[in-house]
Amino acid sequence: MATTIPEPPGIGRNPDQEHSGNGWRNLVPADGDLRVTTEYSPPPSSTGIWVVLFAITMMFAALTSAFVVRKASVDWHSFPLPPILYFNTLLLIASSVTLEISRRRVATFMGGLKSQVESPARWLYITLSLGLLFVAGQYVAWLQLRAEGLYLATNPSSSFFYLLTAAHALHVLGGLGGLTYVIRKLSKSILRRNQMDAAARYWHFMGLLWVYLLLLLWMKL
């Protein structure tokens, strides 16, 4: 007696939901909301920013190690830090606060609640201005040291001061470039949340890194 085996149920395909060119198909959730899948997929910028921060941490860890070892030499001459560095620290901390305000407003603004919040670009411009003032303040600190006769090659202590502060200032300039990119994307209404979050993480990291460097210089110089 023959037995008829029923066919297994087929998986329905919707041509409109297939992604051509990347080999991934049928990733649409059961409720048909593709945004849920996209929201939880790891964006490249989130992974990339952690790689960048790790590389920066390793670089400054190496500079710190060299700084501590070199301080034991007999030709090391300590000098007081330029007072403007403390003001510059306040500027950088304030910029982190304004950036966090802007990040929250961007989330609300881009979430479809534009009528309930003003454009967050103003707070981004404030953050950008504070960052530029910080870099300008660092330059003023270098001028103050030059006025005291302390140059890059005067002694190991001044060399490390210029090296550490200049390396940090260059990375801050990179963060300012990232903020400019975010502002341009926001003005075109094509800014993604992960791009804003990546720029915010980098900028907050620069603030924490500077506080660490300031404490290091204050204790060792």
N, C-alpha and C. Protein backbone atom coordinates (compact mmCIF):
# COMPACT_ATOMS: atom_id res chain seq x y z
N MET A 1 0.86 -1.19 0.00
CA MET A 1 0.00 0.00 0.00
C MET A 1 0.88 1.23 0.00
N ALA A 2 0.69 2.05 -0.97
CA ALA A 2 1.56 3.23 -1.10
C ALA A 2 1.18 4.30 -0.08
N THR A 3 2.18 4.92 0.40
CA THR A 3 2.00 6.00 1.38
C THR A 3 2.39 7.32 0.76
N THR A 4 1.51 8.26 0.84
CA THR A 4 1.80 9.58 0.26
C THR A 4 2.42 10.48 1.33
N ILE A 5 3.59 10.97 1.06
CA ILE A 5 4.29 11.86 2.01
C ILE A 5 4.03 13.29 1.59
N PRO A 6 3.42 14.03 2.46
CA PRO A 6 3.12 15.43 2.08
C PRO A 6 4.39 16.25 1.97
N GLU A 7 4.38 17.23 1.09
CA GLU A 7 5.53 18.11 0.92
C GLU A 7 5.67 19.03 2.13
N PRO A 8 6.93 19.30 2.50
CA PRO A 8 7.12 20.25 3.61
C PRO A 8 6.65 21.63 3.19
N PRO A 9 6.15 22.38 4.14
CA PRO A 9 5.67 23.73 3.79
C PRO A 9 6.80 24.58 3.23
N GLY A 10 6.57 25.26 2.14
CA GLY A 10 7.58 26.11 1.54
C GLY A 10 7.68 27.45 2.25
N ILE A 11 8.82 28.00 2.14
CA ILE A 11 9.07 29.31 2.74
C ILE A 11 8.70 30.37 1.72
N GLY A 12 7.80 31.23 2.12
CA GLY A 12 7.35 32.24 1.18
C GLY A 12 8.43 33.28 0.89
N ARG A 13 8.50 33.71 -0.35
CA ARG A 13 9.47 34.71 -0.75
C ARG A 13 8.73 35.93 -1.26
N ASN A 14 9.21 37.05 -0.88
CA ASN A 14 8.65 38.31 -1.35
C ASN A 14 9.73 39.04 -2.11
N PRO A 15 9.58 39.17 -3.41
CA PRO A 15 10.65 39.82 -4.19
C PRO A 15 10.97 41.21 -3.72
N ASP A 16 9.98 41.91 -3.15
CA ASP A 16 10.23 43.28 -2.71
C ASP A 16 11.08 43.35 -1.46
N GLN A 17 11.20 42.21 -0.76
CA GLN A 17 11.95 42.20 0.49
C GLN A 17 13.33 41.59 0.33
N GLU A 18 13.70 41.20 -0.88
CA GLU A 18 15.01 40.62 -1.11
C GLU A 18 16.01 41.73 -1.36
N HIS A 19 17.21 41.50 -0.86
CA HIS A 19 18.29 42.46 -1.05
C HIS A 19 19.22 41.91 -2.11
N SER A 20 19.21 42.51 -3.27
CA SER A 20 20.04 42.03 -4.36
C SER A 20 21.45 42.53 -4.20
N GLY A 21 22.42 41.64 -4.55
CA GLY A 21 23.81 42.04 -4.59
C GLY A 21 24.59 41.69 -3.35
N ASN A 22 23.94 41.41 -2.21
CA ASN A 22 24.71 41.11 -1.02
C ASN A 22 24.47 39.70 -0.51
N GLY A 23 23.54 38.94 -1.14
CA GLY A 23 23.36 37.55 -0.77
C GLY A 23 22.49 37.33 0.44
N TRP A 24 22.04 38.39 1.09
CA TRP A 24 21.19 38.23 2.27
C TRP A 24 19.73 38.40 1.86
N ARG A 25 18.88 37.41 2.26
CA ARG A 25 17.47 37.48 1.92
C ARG A 25 16.63 37.09 3.13
N ASN A 26 15.33 37.45 3.03
CA ASN A 26 14.34 37.05 4.02
C ASN A 26 14.73 37.49 5.43
N LEU A 27 15.27 38.70 5.56
CA LEU A 27 15.65 39.22 6.87
C LEU A 27 14.60 40.13 7.45
N VAL A 28 13.48 40.24 6.80
CA VAL A 28 12.42 41.11 7.28
C VAL A 28 11.70 40.44 8.43
N PRO A 29 11.48 41.13 9.56
CA PRO A 29 10.79 40.52 10.69
C PRO A 29 9.37 40.12 10.33
N ALA A 30 8.74 39.35 11.25
CA ALA A 30 7.41 38.82 10.99
C ALA A 30 6.38 39.91 10.82
N ASP A 31 6.58 41.05 11.52
CA ASP A 31 5.60 42.13 11.39
C ASP A 31 5.83 43.00 10.19
N GLY A 32 6.88 42.67 9.40
CA GLY A 32 7.11 43.41 8.17
C GLY A 32 7.84 44.72 8.35
N ASP A 33 8.36 45.00 9.57
CA ASP A 33 9.03 46.28 9.83
C ASP A 33 10.53 46.10 9.65
N LEU A 34 11.03 46.49 8.50
CA LEU A 34 12.45 46.34 8.21
C LEU A 34 13.31 47.21 9.09
N ARG A 35 12.76 48.32 9.62
CA ARG A 35 13.54 49.23 10.44
C ARG A 35 14.04 48.57 11.71
N VAL A 36 13.31 47.59 12.23
CA VAL A 36 13.73 46.89 13.44
C VAL A 36 15.02 46.13 13.18
N THR A 37 15.10 45.45 12.03
CA THR A 37 16.30 44.72 11.68
C THR A 37 17.47 45.67 11.46
N THR A 38 17.24 46.76 10.75
CA THR A 38 18.32 47.71 10.46
C THR A 38 18.83 48.37 11.73
N GLU A 39 17.94 48.64 12.66
CA GLU A 39 18.34 49.36 13.87
C GLU A 39 19.30 48.54 14.72
N TYR A 40 19.13 47.23 14.73
CA TYR A 40 19.94 46.39 15.60
C TYR A 40 21.13 45.77 14.90
N SER A 41 21.33 46.03 13.61
CA SER A 41 22.53 45.56 12.94
C SER A 41 23.70 46.45 13.33
N PRO A 42 24.87 45.86 13.65
CA PRO A 42 26.00 46.67 14.11
C PRO A 42 26.55 47.55 13.00
N PRO A 43 26.52 48.87 13.14
CA PRO A 43 27.03 49.76 12.10
C PRO A 43 28.56 49.77 12.10
N PRO A 44 29.18 49.93 10.93
CA PRO A 44 30.64 49.95 10.86
C PRO A 44 31.28 51.06 11.68
N SER A 45 30.61 52.23 11.77
CA SER A 45 31.21 53.34 12.49
C SER A 45 31.33 53.05 13.98
N SER A 46 30.41 52.26 14.53
CA SER A 46 30.48 51.92 15.95
C SER A 46 31.69 51.04 16.25
N THR A 47 31.96 50.09 15.36
CA THR A 47 33.14 49.25 15.54
C THR A 47 34.42 50.02 15.26
N GLY A 48 34.40 50.84 14.22
CA GLY A 48 35.60 51.59 13.85
C GLY A 48 36.05 52.56 14.91
N ILE A 49 35.11 53.21 15.60
CA ILE A 49 35.51 54.22 16.58
C ILE A 49 36.20 53.57 17.77
N TRP A 50 35.78 52.35 18.13
CA TRP A 50 36.45 51.67 19.24
C TRP A 50 37.86 51.26 18.85
N VAL A 51 38.06 50.89 17.61
CA VAL A 51 39.41 50.56 17.14
C VAL A 51 40.30 51.80 17.20
N VAL A 52 39.77 52.93 16.77
CA VAL A 52 40.52 54.18 16.80
C VAL A 52 40.87 54.57 18.23
N LEU A 53 39.91 54.47 19.13
CA LEU A 53 40.16 54.84 20.53
C LEU A 53 41.18 53.91 21.18
N PHE A 54 41.14 52.64 20.81
CA PHE A 54 42.12 51.70 21.35
C PHE A 54 43.53 52.05 20.87
N ALA A 55 43.65 52.40 19.59
CA ALA A 55 44.95 52.76 19.04
C ALA A 55 45.50 54.03 19.71
N ILE A 56 44.63 55.01 19.93
CA ILE A 56 45.05 56.24 20.60
C ILE A 56 45.48 55.95 22.03
N THR A 57 44.74 55.09 22.71
CA THR A 57 45.10 54.73 24.09
C THR A 57 46.46 54.08 24.15
N MET A 58 46.74 53.18 23.23
CA MET A 58 48.04 52.51 23.21
C MET A 58 49.17 53.51 22.94
N MET A 59 48.92 54.46 22.06
CA MET A 59 49.95 55.45 21.74
C MET A 59 50.29 56.30 22.96
N PHE A 60 49.28 56.80 23.63
CA PHE A 60 49.54 57.64 24.80
C PHE A 60 50.04 56.83 25.98
N ALA A 61 49.70 55.55 26.05
CA ALA A 61 50.28 54.70 27.09
C ALA A 61 51.78 54.55 26.87
N ALA A 62 52.19 54.42 25.61
CA ALA A 62 53.62 54.33 25.30
C ALA A 62 54.33 55.65 25.63
N LEU A 63 53.70 56.78 25.30
CA LEU A 63 54.29 58.07 25.63
C LEU A 63 54.38 58.28 27.14
N THR A 64 53.38 57.81 27.86
CA THR A 64 53.41 57.93 29.31
C THR A 64 54.55 57.11 29.90
N SER A 65 54.73 55.91 29.40
CA SER A 65 55.82 55.06 29.88
C SER A 65 57.17 55.71 29.63
N ALA A 66 57.36 56.26 28.43
CA ALA A 66 58.62 56.94 28.11
C ALA A 66 58.80 58.18 28.98
N PHE A 67 57.72 58.88 29.25
CA PHE A 67 57.76 60.09 30.08
C PHE A 67 58.21 59.77 31.50
N VAL A 68 57.65 58.72 32.09
CA VAL A 68 57.99 58.34 33.47
C VAL A 68 59.43 57.86 33.56
N VAL A 69 59.87 57.08 32.58
CA VAL A 69 61.24 56.57 32.60
C VAL A 69 62.25 57.70 32.42
N ARG A 70 61.95 58.62 31.51
CA ARG A 70 62.88 59.73 31.22
C ARG A 70 63.00 60.70 32.39
N LYS A 71 61.97 60.79 33.22
CA LYS A 71 62.00 61.72 34.35
C LYS A 71 63.09 61.37 35.35
N ALA A 72 63.52 60.12 35.35
CA ALA A 72 64.56 59.70 36.30
C ALA A 72 65.95 60.18 35.93
N SER A 73 66.11 60.81 34.78
CA SER A 73 67.43 61.27 34.34
C SER A 73 67.85 62.52 35.12
N VAL A 74 69.15 62.76 35.16
CA VAL A 74 69.69 63.88 35.94
C VAL A 74 69.47 65.23 35.26
N ASP A 75 69.21 65.22 33.95
CA ASP A 75 69.03 66.49 33.24
C ASP A 75 67.56 66.92 33.18
N TRP A 76 66.74 66.32 34.01
CA TRP A 76 65.33 66.68 34.05
C TRP A 76 65.13 67.94 34.89
N HIS A 77 64.47 68.95 34.36
CA HIS A 77 64.23 70.19 35.07
C HIS A 77 62.73 70.47 35.09
N SER A 78 62.15 70.49 36.28
CA SER A 78 60.72 70.75 36.42
C SER A 78 60.42 72.23 36.25
N PHE A 79 59.20 72.53 35.85
CA PHE A 79 58.77 73.92 35.69
C PHE A 79 57.26 73.97 35.92
N PRO A 80 56.73 75.08 36.37
CA PRO A 80 55.29 75.18 36.62
C PRO A 80 54.50 75.20 35.32
N LEU A 81 53.35 74.60 35.36
CA LEU A 81 52.50 74.57 34.18
C LEU A 81 51.89 75.94 33.91
N PRO A 82 51.72 76.31 32.65
CA PRO A 82 51.04 77.57 32.33
C PRO A 82 49.63 77.57 32.90
N PRO A 83 49.24 78.62 33.61
CA PRO A 83 47.90 78.64 34.23
C PRO A 83 46.75 78.51 33.24
N ILE A 84 46.96 78.89 31.99
CA ILE A 84 45.88 78.83 31.01
C ILE A 84 45.44 77.39 30.75
N LEU A 85 46.26 76.41 31.10
CA LEU A 85 45.88 75.02 30.87
C LEU A 85 44.63 74.65 31.66
N TYR A 86 44.47 75.25 32.83
CA TYR A 86 43.30 74.94 33.65
C TYR A 86 42.03 75.54 33.03
N PHE A 87 42.16 76.71 32.45
CA PHE A 87 41.04 77.30 31.73
C PHE A 87 40.70 76.48 30.50
N ASN A 88 41.73 76.01 29.81
CA ASN A 88 41.49 75.16 28.64
C ASN A 88 40.75 73.89 29.03
N THR A 89 41.06 73.36 30.21
CA THR A 89 40.38 72.16 30.69
C THR A 89 38.89 72.42 30.87
N LEU A 90 38.56 73.57 31.42
CA LEU A 90 37.14 73.93 31.59
C LEU A 90 36.44 74.04 30.25
N LEU A 91 37.14 74.58 29.26
CA LEU A 91 36.55 74.69 27.92
C LEU A 91 36.23 73.31 27.35
N LEU A 92 37.14 72.38 27.53
CA LEU A 92 36.94 71.05 26.96
C LEU A 92 35.82 70.30 27.69
N ILE A 93 35.75 70.47 29.00
CA ILE A 93 34.67 69.85 29.76
C ILE A 93 33.32 70.44 29.35
N ALA A 94 33.29 71.77 29.18
CA ALA A 94 32.05 72.43 28.76
C ALA A 94 31.63 71.95 27.36
N SER A 95 32.59 71.70 26.49
CA SER A 95 32.26 71.23 25.14
C SER A 95 31.65 69.84 25.18
N SER A 96 32.08 69.00 26.12
CA SER A 96 31.47 67.67 26.26
C SER A 96 30.02 67.79 26.72
N VAL A 97 29.76 68.77 27.60
CA VAL A 97 28.39 68.98 28.07
C VAL A 97 27.50 69.44 26.91
N THR A 98 27.96 70.41 26.15
CA THR A 98 27.15 70.91 25.03
C THR A 98 26.97 69.86 23.95
N LEU A 99 27.97 69.01 23.76
CA LEU A 99 27.83 67.95 22.76
C LEU A 99 26.80 66.92 23.21
N GLU A 100 26.77 66.63 24.50
CA GLU A 100 25.78 65.67 25.00
C GLU A 100 24.37 66.24 24.86
N ILE A 101 24.23 67.54 25.12
CA ILE A 101 22.93 68.18 24.90
C ILE A 101 22.53 68.07 23.43
N SER A 102 23.49 68.33 22.55
CA SER A 102 23.22 68.25 21.12
C SER A 102 22.87 66.84 20.70
N ARG A 103 23.56 65.85 21.26
CA ARG A 103 23.28 64.45 20.88
C ARG A 103 21.85 64.06 21.23
N ARG A 104 21.40 64.49 22.39
CA ARG A 104 20.03 64.17 22.79
C ARG A 104 19.02 64.90 21.90
N ARG A 105 19.33 66.13 21.55
CA ARG A 105 18.41 66.88 20.70
C ARG A 105 18.40 66.32 19.28
N VAL A 106 19.54 65.83 18.82
CA VAL A 106 19.58 65.20 17.50
C VAL A 106 18.70 63.97 17.48
N ALA A 107 18.75 63.16 18.55
CA ALA A 107 17.93 61.95 18.60
C ALA A 107 16.44 62.30 18.54
N THR A 108 16.06 63.38 19.21
CA THR A 108 14.66 63.81 19.18
C THR A 108 14.30 64.42 17.84
N PHE A 109 15.21 65.24 17.31
CA PHE A 109 14.96 65.94 16.06
C PHE A 109 14.84 64.97 14.89
N MET A 110 15.76 64.01 14.81
CA MET A 110 15.74 63.05 13.71
C MET A 110 14.72 61.94 13.92
N GLY A 111 14.13 61.90 15.12
CA GLY A 111 13.14 60.87 15.40
C GLY A 111 11.74 61.26 14.97
N GLY A 112 11.61 62.37 14.26
CA GLY A 112 10.32 62.77 13.76
C GLY A 112 9.60 63.77 14.63
N LEU A 113 10.27 64.26 15.69
CA LEU A 113 9.64 65.23 16.59
C LEU A 113 10.24 66.62 16.36
N LYS A 114 10.36 67.00 15.10
CA LYS A 114 10.99 68.27 14.77
C LYS A 114 10.22 69.47 15.30
N SER A 115 8.93 69.31 15.44
CA SER A 115 8.13 70.42 15.93
C SER A 115 8.27 70.64 17.43
N GLN A 116 8.82 69.63 18.14
CA GLN A 116 8.94 69.73 19.58
C GLN A 116 10.31 70.16 20.05
N VAL A 117 11.26 70.28 19.16
CA VAL A 117 12.61 70.67 19.54
C VAL A 117 13.21 71.52 18.44
N GLU A 118 13.98 72.51 18.85
CA GLU A 118 14.65 73.35 17.88
C GLU A 118 15.79 72.58 17.23
N SER A 119 16.27 73.08 16.12
CA SER A 119 17.36 72.41 15.43
C SER A 119 18.58 72.31 16.34
N PRO A 120 19.14 71.10 16.51
CA PRO A 120 20.28 70.93 17.42
C PRO A 120 21.60 71.42 16.85
N ALA A 121 21.58 71.97 15.65
CA ALA A 121 22.83 72.42 15.04
C ALA A 121 23.48 73.52 15.87
N ARG A 122 22.69 74.32 16.57
CA ARG A 122 23.25 75.40 17.37
C ARG A 122 24.19 74.86 18.44
N TRP A 123 23.79 73.78 19.10
CA TRP A 123 24.64 73.21 20.14
C TRP A 123 25.88 72.56 19.55
N LEU A 124 25.78 72.05 18.34
CA LEU A 124 26.97 71.52 17.68
C LEU A 124 27.95 72.64 17.35
N TYR A 125 27.43 73.77 16.92
CA TYR A 125 28.31 74.91 16.65
C TYR A 125 28.96 75.43 17.93
N ILE A 126 28.23 75.39 19.03
CA ILE A 126 28.82 75.79 20.32
C ILE A 126 29.95 74.85 20.70
N THR A 127 29.72 73.55 20.53
CA THR A 127 30.76 72.56 20.82
C THR A 127 31.98 72.78 19.93
N LEU A 128 31.73 73.05 18.66
CA LEU A 128 32.82 73.30 17.72
C LEU A 128 33.61 74.54 18.13
N SER A 129 32.93 75.59 18.56
CA SER A 129 33.61 76.82 18.98
C SER A 129 34.44 76.60 20.23
N LEU A 130 33.90 75.85 21.18
CA LEU A 130 34.65 75.57 22.40
C LEU A 130 35.90 74.74 22.10
N GLY A 131 35.77 73.80 21.16
CA GLY A 131 36.93 73.01 20.77
C GLY A 131 38.01 73.86 20.12
N LEU A 132 37.60 74.79 19.27
CA LEU A 132 38.57 75.69 18.64
C LEU A 132 39.25 76.59 19.68
N LEU A 133 38.47 77.05 20.66
CA LEU A 133 39.04 77.86 21.73
C LEU A 133 40.05 77.05 22.55
N PHE A 134 39.77 75.76 22.74
CA PHE A 134 40.72 74.91 23.46
C PHE A 134 42.05 74.82 22.72
N VAL A 135 41.99 74.57 21.42
CA VAL A 135 43.22 74.48 20.63
C VAL A 135 43.97 75.82 20.66
N ALA A 136 43.23 76.91 20.53
CA ALA A 136 43.87 78.23 20.60
C ALA A 136 44.50 78.45 21.96
N GLY A 137 43.83 77.99 23.03
CA GLY A 137 44.40 78.12 24.37
C GLY A 137 45.67 77.30 24.54
N GLN A 138 45.73 76.14 23.90
CA GLN A 138 46.96 75.35 23.96
C GLN A 138 48.12 76.08 23.26
N TYR A 139 47.81 76.74 22.18
CA TYR A 139 48.84 77.51 21.49
C TYR A 139 49.34 78.66 22.36
N VAL A 140 48.42 79.29 23.09
CA VAL A 140 48.81 80.35 24.01
C VAL A 140 49.73 79.79 25.10
N ALA A 141 49.44 78.58 25.58
CA ALA A 141 50.30 77.95 26.58
C ALA A 141 51.71 77.73 26.03
N TRP A 142 51.82 77.31 24.78
CA TRP A 142 53.14 77.13 24.17
C TRP A 142 53.87 78.47 24.06
N LEU A 143 53.14 79.53 23.72
CA LEU A 143 53.76 80.85 23.64
C LEU A 143 54.26 81.31 25.01
N GLN A 144 53.52 80.99 26.06
CA GLN A 144 53.95 81.36 27.40
C GLN A 144 55.23 80.64 27.79
N LEU A 145 55.34 79.38 27.41
CA LEU A 145 56.58 78.65 27.70
C LEU A 145 57.74 79.21 26.90
N ARG A 146 57.50 79.57 25.65
CA ARG A 146 58.56 80.17 24.84
C ARG A 146 59.02 81.49 25.45
N ALA A 147 58.10 82.26 26.00
CA ALA A 147 58.46 83.52 26.64
C ALA A 147 59.34 83.29 27.86
N GLU A 148 59.24 82.12 28.48
CA GLU A 148 60.07 81.78 29.64
C GLU A 148 61.37 81.11 29.23
N GLY A 149 61.61 80.98 27.93
CA GLY A 149 62.83 80.36 27.45
C GLY A 149 62.78 78.85 27.40
N LEU A 150 61.58 78.27 27.43
CA LEU A 150 61.42 76.81 27.38
C LEU A 150 60.93 76.42 25.99
N TYR A 151 61.82 75.80 25.24
CA TYR A 151 61.51 75.38 23.88
C TYR A 151 61.45 73.85 23.82
N LEU A 152 61.20 73.35 22.63
CA LEU A 152 61.07 71.91 22.46
C LEU A 152 62.35 71.17 22.85
N ALA A 153 63.49 71.75 22.51
CA ALA A 153 64.77 71.08 22.78
C ALA A 153 65.51 71.65 23.98
N THR A 154 64.85 72.43 24.82
CA THR A 154 65.54 73.02 25.97
C THR A 154 65.97 71.95 26.96
N ASN A 155 65.06 71.09 27.35
CA ASN A 155 65.37 69.98 28.25
C ASN A 155 64.32 68.90 28.06
N PRO A 156 64.55 67.69 28.60
CA PRO A 156 63.57 66.60 28.38
C PRO A 156 62.17 66.93 28.89
N SER A 157 62.07 67.67 29.99
CA SER A 157 60.74 67.98 30.54
C SER A 157 59.93 68.84 29.58
N SER A 158 60.55 69.88 29.03
CA SER A 158 59.83 70.72 28.08
C SER A 158 59.53 69.97 26.79
N SER A 159 60.43 69.07 26.40
CA SER A 159 60.19 68.27 25.19
C SER A 159 58.95 67.42 25.34
N PHE A 160 58.80 66.77 26.49
CA PHE A 160 57.63 65.92 26.70
C PHE A 160 56.37 66.76 26.84
N PHE A 161 56.48 67.95 27.40
CA PHE A 161 55.30 68.81 27.50
C PHE A 161 54.78 69.16 26.11
N TYR A 162 55.69 69.60 25.24
CA TYR A 162 55.27 69.95 23.88
C TYR A 162 54.74 68.72 23.14
N LEU A 163 55.42 67.57 23.32
CA LEU A 163 55.03 66.36 22.61
C LEU A 163 53.64 65.89 23.02
N LEU A 164 53.38 65.82 24.32
CA LEU A 164 52.10 65.31 24.80
C LEU A 164 50.95 66.27 24.45
N THR A 165 51.16 67.55 24.69
CA THR A 165 50.09 68.51 24.42
C THR A 165 49.83 68.67 22.92
N ALA A 166 50.89 68.62 22.12
CA ALA A 166 50.71 68.75 20.67
C ALA A 166 50.02 67.51 20.10
N ALA A 167 50.40 66.32 20.57
CA ALA A 167 49.75 65.10 20.10
C ALA A 167 48.26 65.11 20.43
N HIS A 168 47.94 65.57 21.63
CA HIS A 168 46.53 65.65 22.01
C HIS A 168 45.79 66.69 21.17
N ALA A 169 46.42 67.85 20.94
CA ALA A 169 45.78 68.90 20.15
C ALA A 169 45.50 68.43 18.73
N LEU A 170 46.40 67.64 18.16
CA LEU A 170 46.18 67.11 16.81
C LEU A 170 44.97 66.18 16.78
N HIS A 171 44.82 65.38 17.82
CA HIS A 171 43.66 64.49 17.89
C HIS A 171 42.37 65.29 18.12
N VAL A 172 42.47 66.39 18.85
CA VAL A 172 41.30 67.25 19.03
C VAL A 172 40.89 67.86 17.69
N LEU A 173 41.87 68.26 16.89
CA LEU A 173 41.56 68.77 15.56
C LEU A 173 40.85 67.71 14.71
N GLY A 174 41.26 66.46 14.88
CA GLY A 174 40.55 65.38 14.20
C GLY A 174 39.11 65.28 14.66
N GLY A 175 38.88 65.48 15.97
CA GLY A 175 37.52 65.48 16.48
C GLY A 175 36.71 66.65 15.95
N LEU A 176 37.36 67.80 15.79
CA LEU A 176 36.67 68.96 15.20
C LEU A 176 36.26 68.68 13.76
N GLY A 177 37.11 67.96 13.04
CA GLY A 177 36.75 67.55 11.69
C GLY A 177 35.54 66.62 11.70
N GLY A 178 35.48 65.72 12.70
CA GLY A 178 34.32 64.85 12.82
C GLY A 178 33.05 65.61 13.14
N LEU A 179 33.15 66.63 13.99
CA LEU A 179 31.98 67.45 14.30
C LEU A 179 31.51 68.23 13.08
N THR A 180 32.45 68.72 12.30
CA THR A 180 32.09 69.42 11.06
C THR A 180 31.36 68.49 10.11
N TYR A 181 31.81 67.25 10.03
CA TYR A 181 31.15 66.25 9.19
C TYR A 181 29.72 66.00 9.67
N VAL A 182 29.54 65.91 11.01
CA VAL A 182 28.21 65.68 11.57
C VAL A 182 27.29 66.86 11.27
N ILE A 183 27.82 68.08 11.41
CA ILE A 183 27.01 69.27 11.13
C ILE A 183 26.57 69.29 9.67
N ARG A 184 27.46 68.94 8.76
CA ARG A 184 27.11 68.92 7.34
C ARG A 184 26.05 67.87 7.05
N LYS A 185 26.18 66.69 7.65
CA LYS A 185 25.18 65.64 7.46
C LYS A 185 23.83 66.06 8.04
N LEU A 186 23.88 66.73 9.20
CA LEU A 186 22.63 67.15 9.83
C LEU A 186 21.91 68.20 9.00
N SER A 187 22.68 69.11 8.40
CA SER A 187 22.07 70.16 7.57
C SER A 187 21.37 69.58 6.36
N LYS A 188 21.80 68.40 5.90
CA LYS A 188 21.18 67.75 4.75
C LYS A 188 20.13 66.72 5.18
N SER A 189 19.93 66.59 6.50
CA SER A 189 18.96 65.63 7.06
C SER A 189 19.28 64.19 6.67
N ILE A 190 20.57 63.88 6.55
CA ILE A 190 20.98 62.51 6.24
C ILE A 190 21.91 61.96 7.31
N LEU A 191 21.89 62.59 8.48
CA LEU A 191 22.74 62.14 9.58
C LEU A 191 22.17 60.87 10.19
N ARG A 192 23.03 59.89 10.41
CA ARG A 192 22.61 58.65 11.07
C ARG A 192 22.98 58.71 12.55
N ARG A 193 22.21 58.00 13.33
CA ARG A 193 22.43 58.03 14.77
C ARG A 193 23.80 57.48 15.14
N ASN A 194 24.25 56.43 14.46
CA ASN A 194 25.55 55.85 14.80
C ASN A 194 26.68 56.81 14.48
N GLN A 195 26.51 57.67 13.48
CA GLN A 195 27.55 58.66 13.18
C GLN A 195 27.65 59.71 14.28
N MET A 196 26.50 60.13 14.78
CA MET A 196 26.50 61.09 15.88
C MET A 196 27.09 60.46 17.14
N ASP A 197 26.73 59.22 17.42
CA ASP A 197 27.25 58.55 18.61
C ASP A 197 28.76 58.34 18.53
N ALA A 198 29.26 58.01 17.34
CA ALA A 198 30.69 57.81 17.16
C ALA A 198 31.46 59.12 17.40
N ALA A 199 30.94 60.22 16.85
CA ALA A 199 31.59 61.52 17.06
C ALA A 199 31.56 61.91 18.54
N ALA A 200 30.45 61.62 19.23
CA ALA A 200 30.34 61.95 20.64
C ALA A 200 31.31 61.13 21.48
N ARG A 201 31.42 59.84 21.19
CA ARG A 201 32.36 58.98 21.94
C ARG A 201 33.79 59.48 21.79
N TYR A 202 34.16 59.81 20.56
CA TYR A 202 35.52 60.29 20.31
C TYR A 202 35.78 61.59 21.08
N TRP A 203 34.81 62.51 21.04
CA TRP A 203 35.02 63.81 21.69
C TRP A 203 35.08 63.66 23.21
N HIS A 204 34.22 62.86 23.78
CA HIS A 204 34.27 62.64 25.22
C HIS A 204 35.58 61.97 25.63
N PHE A 205 36.07 61.09 24.78
CA PHE A 205 37.35 60.44 25.06
C PHE A 205 38.48 61.45 25.05
N MET A 206 38.44 62.41 24.14
CA MET A 206 39.46 63.46 24.11
C MET A 206 39.45 64.28 25.40
N GLY A 207 38.26 64.52 25.94
CA GLY A 207 38.16 65.24 27.20
C GLY A 207 38.76 64.46 28.35
N LEU A 208 38.44 63.18 28.44
CA LEU A 208 39.01 62.35 29.51
C LEU A 208 40.52 62.21 29.35
N LEU A 209 40.97 62.07 28.12
CA LEU A 209 42.40 61.95 27.87
C LEU A 209 43.15 63.20 28.30
N TRP A 210 42.56 64.37 28.05
CA TRP A 210 43.23 65.60 28.44
C TRP A 210 43.31 65.74 29.95
N VAL A 211 42.24 65.39 30.65
CA VAL A 211 42.28 65.44 32.12
C VAL A 211 43.39 64.53 32.65
N TYR A 212 43.52 63.37 32.06
CA TYR A 212 44.60 62.45 32.44
C TYR A 212 45.97 63.07 32.18
N LEU A 213 46.16 63.66 31.00
CA LEU A 213 47.45 64.26 30.67
C LEU A 213 47.76 65.43 31.59
N LEU A 214 46.76 66.23 31.91
CA LEU A 214 46.98 67.37 32.79
C LEU A 214 47.43 66.90 34.17
N LEU A 215 46.79 65.88 34.70
CA LEU A 215 47.20 65.34 35.99
C LEU A 215 48.60 64.75 35.93
N LEU A 216 48.92 64.09 34.83
CA LEU A 216 50.25 63.51 34.65
C LEU A 216 51.31 64.60 34.63
N LEU A 217 51.09 65.65 33.86
CA LEU A 217 52.05 66.74 33.79
C LEU A 217 52.16 67.49 35.11
N TRP A 218 51.04 67.65 35.78
CA TRP A 218 51.05 68.37 37.07
C TRP A 218 51.84 67.60 38.13
N MET A 219 51.75 66.28 38.11
CA MET A 219 52.43 65.47 39.12
C MET A 219 53.91 65.26 38.79
N LYS A 220 54.24 65.20 37.50
CA LYS A 220 55.60 64.81 37.12
C LYS A 220 56.49 65.99 36.74
N LEU A 221 55.93 67.15 36.39
CA LEU A 221 56.78 68.27 36.00
C LEU A 221 57.17 69.10 37.21
